């Protein structure tokens, strides 16, 4: 089963990091964000990836081209200018790296991959890590028989919550999870027919296509109430790095 990863955005809110690299190549624990994301999928048995490239896509191509050499022992014979590898990597990934345009929107990038997708597939963003049970997500999708399933999450609030009773603080909760609102957490499961809801390069997947799928009763939600974290700000990036360095990263399911 194929996994489509969007990896072409500018990451403008992380310009300190993304002036040189695309957002999916920002490192956490010495590994790029996209590597962590792919490990989440491969640890649950999904090893076939299509990466939709755009802004600085050549950096992602270089990383995977060099991956076998970086991750294995090398023997270099300078006299003959030959290089040979010893051993193999732990990953048995098959990766299609596809240029989907520099300024193409999220829906447009998916639409450009239409000819490569002839069965149910995963579709997610290259900047969100979670401990989603992908098998249960897929099971739910197949049970309702509709075109699309989105993973709905409750993110931490950006601000602390204070409850006040007659000027006295009765509780202080630093950045709690929002108890009411569900948001789009990525980790979609889609049928190829969902792509027909996308008009072209200028279409944002999250707007007209998802709204029309919902109106037509073709979009269901898988409620994920455990760990999920996107990387939109430097604060969120620092948070992910600190979590990884703690040795207790919830998304590390491998």
Protein backbone atom coordinates (compact mmCIF):
# COMPACT_ATOMS: atom_id res chain seq x y z
CA UNK A 1 0.00 0.00 0.00
CA UNK A 2 1.43 3.36 -1.06
CA UNK A 3 2.11 6.31 1.23
CA UNK A 4 2.03 9.78 -0.34
CA UNK A 5 3.99 12.45 1.56
CA UNK A 6 3.71 16.16 0.77
CA UNK A 7 7.21 17.63 0.90
CA UNK A 8 7.08 20.68 -1.34
CA UNK A 9 5.99 23.63 0.81
CA UNK A 10 8.09 26.67 1.70
CA UNK A 11 7.92 26.42 5.49
CA UNK A 12 7.95 30.21 5.76
CA UNK A 13 7.28 30.25 9.51
CA UNK A 14 10.53 28.33 9.98
CA UNK A 15 12.60 30.54 7.71
CA UNK A 16 15.63 30.29 10.02
CA UNK A 17 15.77 26.59 9.13
CA UNK A 18 14.17 26.48 5.68
CA UNK A 19 16.31 29.07 3.89
CA UNK A 20 18.76 26.25 3.20
CA UNK A 21 16.62 23.10 3.49
CA UNK A 22 12.99 22.18 2.81
CA UNK A 23 11.00 21.66 6.00
CA UNK A 24 10.95 17.82 5.77
CA UNK A 25 14.76 17.88 5.88
CA UNK A 26 14.98 19.73 9.20
CA UNK A 27 16.78 17.43 11.61
CA UNK A 28 15.51 15.91 14.83
CA UNK A 29 18.11 13.82 16.63
CA UNK A 30 20.43 13.90 13.62
CA UNK A 31 17.76 12.59 11.24
CA UNK A 32 15.49 14.59 8.92
CA UNK A 33 11.83 14.97 9.77
CA UNK A 34 10.83 12.94 6.71
CA UNK A 35 12.93 9.99 7.94
CA UNK A 36 11.02 9.95 11.25
CA UNK A 37 7.72 10.09 9.36
CA UNK A 38 8.66 7.24 7.04
CA UNK A 39 9.82 5.14 10.00
CA UNK A 40 6.36 5.58 11.56
CA UNK A 41 4.80 4.03 8.46
CA UNK A 42 7.44 1.35 7.83
CA UNK A 43 7.35 0.17 11.45
CA UNK A 44 3.71 -0.74 10.83
CA UNK A 45 4.39 -2.51 7.55
CA UNK A 46 4.02 0.24 4.93
CA UNK A 47 7.23 0.63 2.91
CA UNK A 48 6.23 2.06 -0.46
CA UNK A 49 6.45 5.85 -0.61
CA UNK A 50 5.72 8.60 -3.09
CA UNK A 51 7.25 11.92 -2.03
CA UNK A 52 5.75 15.00 -3.69
CA UNK A 53 8.66 17.41 -4.11
CA UNK A 54 8.66 21.14 -4.66
CA UNK A 55 10.68 23.80 -2.85
CA UNK A 56 14.33 22.67 -2.61
CA UNK A 57 13.33 19.16 -3.62
CA UNK A 58 16.89 18.47 -4.77
CA UNK A 59 17.95 18.31 -1.11
CA UNK A 60 15.56 15.41 -0.52
CA UNK A 61 16.79 13.67 -3.67
CA UNK A 62 20.41 14.03 -2.55
CA UNK A 63 19.61 12.63 0.89
CA UNK A 64 18.06 9.44 -0.44
CA UNK A 65 20.62 9.04 -3.22
CA UNK A 66 23.38 9.09 -0.59
CA UNK A 67 21.45 7.12 2.02
CA UNK A 68 22.91 3.66 1.22
CA UNK A 69 26.46 5.06 1.47
CA UNK A 70 25.78 7.07 4.62
CA UNK A 71 24.11 4.18 6.45
CA UNK A 72 26.59 1.41 5.58
CA UNK A 73 30.33 0.82 5.77
CA UNK A 74 32.33 1.96 2.76
CA UNK A 75 35.49 0.72 1.11
CA UNK A 76 37.19 3.35 -1.04
CA UNK A 77 40.06 2.49 -3.37
CA UNK A 78 41.70 5.75 -4.38
CA UNK A 79 43.99 4.03 -6.86
CA UNK A 80 41.05 2.85 -8.96
CA UNK A 81 38.53 5.51 -7.86
CA UNK A 82 36.04 2.81 -6.86
CA UNK A 83 33.68 2.73 -3.93
CA UNK A 84 31.91 -0.35 -2.59
CA UNK A 85 29.47 -0.73 0.31
CA UNK A 86 29.54 -3.40 2.97
CA UNK A 87 26.29 -4.50 4.55
CA UNK A 88 22.86 -3.02 4.01
CA UNK A 89 20.48 -0.54 5.58
CA UNK A 90 17.68 -1.53 7.93
CA UNK A 91 15.07 0.04 5.65
CA UNK A 92 13.46 -1.84 2.78
CA UNK A 93 11.76 1.25 1.41
CA UNK A 94 10.77 1.82 -2.17
CA UNK A 95 10.68 5.57 -2.79
CA UNK A 96 9.40 7.58 -5.76
CA UNK A 97 10.67 11.16 -5.59
CA UNK A 98 8.39 13.18 -7.88
CA UNK A 99 8.71 16.86 -8.77
CA UNK A 100 5.20 18.29 -8.42
CA UNK A 101 6.04 21.93 -9.11
CA UNK A 102 7.60 24.78 -7.18
CA UNK A 103 4.43 26.72 -6.37
CA UNK A 104 1.80 23.98 -6.61
CA UNK A 105 -0.71 23.83 -3.76
CA UNK A 106 -1.34 20.74 -1.63
CA UNK A 107 -4.25 19.47 -3.70
CA UNK A 108 -2.45 20.16 -6.94
CA UNK A 109 0.53 18.11 -5.82
CA UNK A 110 -1.71 15.15 -5.12
CA UNK A 111 -3.51 15.52 -8.44
CA UNK A 112 -0.18 15.41 -10.30
CA UNK A 113 0.36 11.93 -8.83
CA UNK A 114 -3.00 10.57 -10.04
CA UNK A 115 -1.50 8.16 -12.59
CA UNK A 116 0.61 6.54 -9.87
CA UNK A 117 -2.34 5.78 -7.59
CA UNK A 118 -4.74 3.02 -8.58
CA UNK A 119 -5.75 1.70 -5.14
CA UNK A 120 -6.34 2.81 -1.55
CA UNK A 121 -3.41 4.88 -0.24
CA UNK A 122 -2.20 6.92 2.72
CA UNK A 123 -1.72 10.66 2.27
CA UNK A 124 -0.04 12.92 4.79
CA UNK A 125 2.03 16.04 5.38
CA UNK A 126 5.81 15.98 5.74
CA UNK A 127 5.80 17.92 9.00
CA UNK A 128 3.60 16.02 11.44
CA UNK A 129 4.67 13.20 13.77
CA UNK A 130 2.24 10.99 15.68
CA UNK A 131 1.78 7.52 17.15
CA UNK A 132 -1.29 6.81 15.02
CA UNK A 133 -2.32 3.15 14.82
CA UNK A 134 -2.29 2.95 11.04
CA UNK A 135 -3.88 -0.50 10.93
CA UNK A 136 -6.87 0.68 12.93
CA UNK A 137 -7.09 3.80 10.77
CA UNK A 138 -7.14 1.64 7.65
CA UNK A 139 -9.68 -0.71 9.19
CA UNK A 140 -12.05 2.18 9.90
CA UNK A 141 -11.64 3.49 6.37
CA UNK A 142 -12.49 0.15 4.82
CA UNK A 143 -15.46 -0.33 7.14
CA UNK A 144 -17.37 2.75 5.91
CA UNK A 145 -16.58 2.31 2.21
CA UNK A 146 -16.29 6.04 1.46
CA UNK A 147 -13.64 7.95 -0.47
CA UNK A 148 -11.71 9.54 2.38
CA UNK A 149 -10.78 9.27 6.05
CA UNK A 150 -8.91 11.98 7.93
CA UNK A 151 -7.12 11.53 11.22
CA UNK A 152 -8.68 14.05 13.61
CA UNK A 153 -6.57 15.23 16.55
CA UNK A 154 -6.84 17.54 19.52
CA UNK A 155 -3.66 19.60 19.59
CA UNK A 156 -2.16 21.22 22.68
CA UNK A 157 -3.33 24.76 23.18
CA UNK A 158 -0.76 27.43 22.38
CA UNK A 159 -1.60 29.14 25.68
CA UNK A 160 -2.10 28.09 29.27
CA UNK A 161 -5.67 27.79 30.59
CA UNK A 162 -6.58 29.55 33.82
CA UNK A 163 -9.90 29.02 35.58
CA UNK A 164 -10.93 31.87 37.89
CA UNK A 165 -13.55 31.91 40.60
CA UNK A 166 -14.16 35.33 42.23
CA UNK A 167 -10.64 36.53 41.31
CA UNK A 168 -9.08 33.38 42.75
CA UNK A 169 -7.30 31.03 40.36
CA UNK A 170 -8.96 27.66 40.90
CA UNK A 171 -6.81 25.81 38.36
CA UNK A 172 -3.81 26.50 36.17
CA UNK A 173 -3.21 24.17 33.23
CA UNK A 174 -0.21 24.93 31.04
CA UNK A 175 -1.11 24.39 27.39
CA UNK A 176 -3.80 21.73 27.82
CA UNK A 177 -5.33 19.80 24.95
CA UNK A 178 -8.40 21.53 23.62
CA UNK A 179 -11.30 19.54 25.09
CA UNK A 180 -13.71 20.39 22.26
CA UNK A 181 -12.23 21.06 18.85
CA UNK A 182 -10.88 18.40 16.50
CA UNK A 183 -8.50 19.48 13.74
CA UNK A 184 -7.02 17.98 10.60
CA UNK A 185 -4.01 15.93 11.70
CA UNK A 186 -3.10 14.58 8.26
CA UNK A 187 -2.65 10.81 8.04
CA UNK A 188 -5.48 10.46 5.52
CA UNK A 189 -6.58 7.24 3.88
CA UNK A 190 -7.94 7.91 0.39
CA UNK A 191 -9.43 6.15 -2.57
CA UNK A 192 -8.21 7.31 -5.99
CA UNK A 193 -11.67 8.77 -6.64
CA UNK A 194 -11.01 11.43 -3.97
CA UNK A 195 -8.45 12.99 -6.32
CA UNK A 196 -11.26 13.80 -8.76
CA UNK A 197 -12.40 16.47 -6.28
CA UNK A 198 -9.21 18.45 -7.01
CA UNK A 199 -9.40 20.98 -9.84
CA UNK A 200 -5.72 21.69 -10.50
CA UNK A 201 -2.41 23.10 -9.32
CA UNK A 202 -3.94 26.04 -7.45
CA UNK A 203 -6.27 23.86 -5.35
CA UNK A 204 -5.60 23.49 -1.63
CA UNK A 205 -6.60 19.98 -0.55
CA UNK A 206 -7.85 21.26 2.81
CA UNK A 207 -10.35 23.69 1.29
CA UNK A 208 -12.71 22.90 -1.57
CA UNK A 209 -11.91 19.16 -2.02
CA UNK A 210 -12.28 18.25 1.68
CA UNK A 211 -15.28 20.53 2.08
CA UNK A 212 -17.06 18.93 -0.87
CA UNK A 213 -16.15 15.43 0.27
CA UNK A 214 -17.69 16.26 3.64
CA UNK A 215 -20.86 17.72 2.10
CA UNK A 216 -21.25 14.62 -0.05
CA UNK A 217 -20.87 12.28 2.91
CA UNK A 218 -17.58 10.90 1.56
CA UNK A 219 -15.28 12.04 4.37
CA UNK A 220 -15.04 10.19 7.70
CA UNK A 221 -12.80 10.86 10.70
CA UNK A 222 -10.53 8.58 12.69
CA UNK A 223 -10.26 10.09 16.17
CA UNK A 224 -6.70 9.96 17.46
CA UNK A 225 -6.52 11.09 21.06
CA UNK A 226 -2.89 10.22 21.72
CA UNK A 227 0.35 11.92 20.63
CA UNK A 228 0.43 14.25 17.63
CA UNK A 229 2.70 17.21 16.93
CA UNK A 230 3.20 19.30 13.81
CA UNK A 231 6.20 21.55 13.14
CA UNK A 232 5.03 25.03 12.17
CA UNK A 233 7.13 27.17 14.50
CA UNK A 234 10.61 27.20 16.03
CA UNK A 235 9.01 26.53 19.41
CA UNK A 236 7.37 23.34 18.08
CA UNK A 237 10.66 22.28 16.49
CA UNK A 238 12.50 22.77 19.80
CA UNK A 239 9.76 20.80 21.54
CA UNK A 240 10.18 17.85 19.17
CA UNK A 241 13.95 17.91 19.55
CA UNK A 242 13.69 17.97 23.34
CA UNK A 243 11.19 15.09 23.24
CA UNK A 244 13.48 13.01 21.04
CA UNK A 245 16.53 13.76 23.19
CA UNK A 246 14.62 12.63 26.28
CA UNK A 247 14.62 9.10 24.88
CA UNK A 248 10.84 8.92 25.23
CA UNK A 249 9.58 10.11 21.83
CA UNK A 250 5.98 8.84 21.56
CA UNK A 251 6.15 8.55 17.77
CA UNK A 252 9.13 6.16 17.95
CA UNK A 253 7.21 2.96 17.34
CA UNK A 254 10.17 1.05 15.87
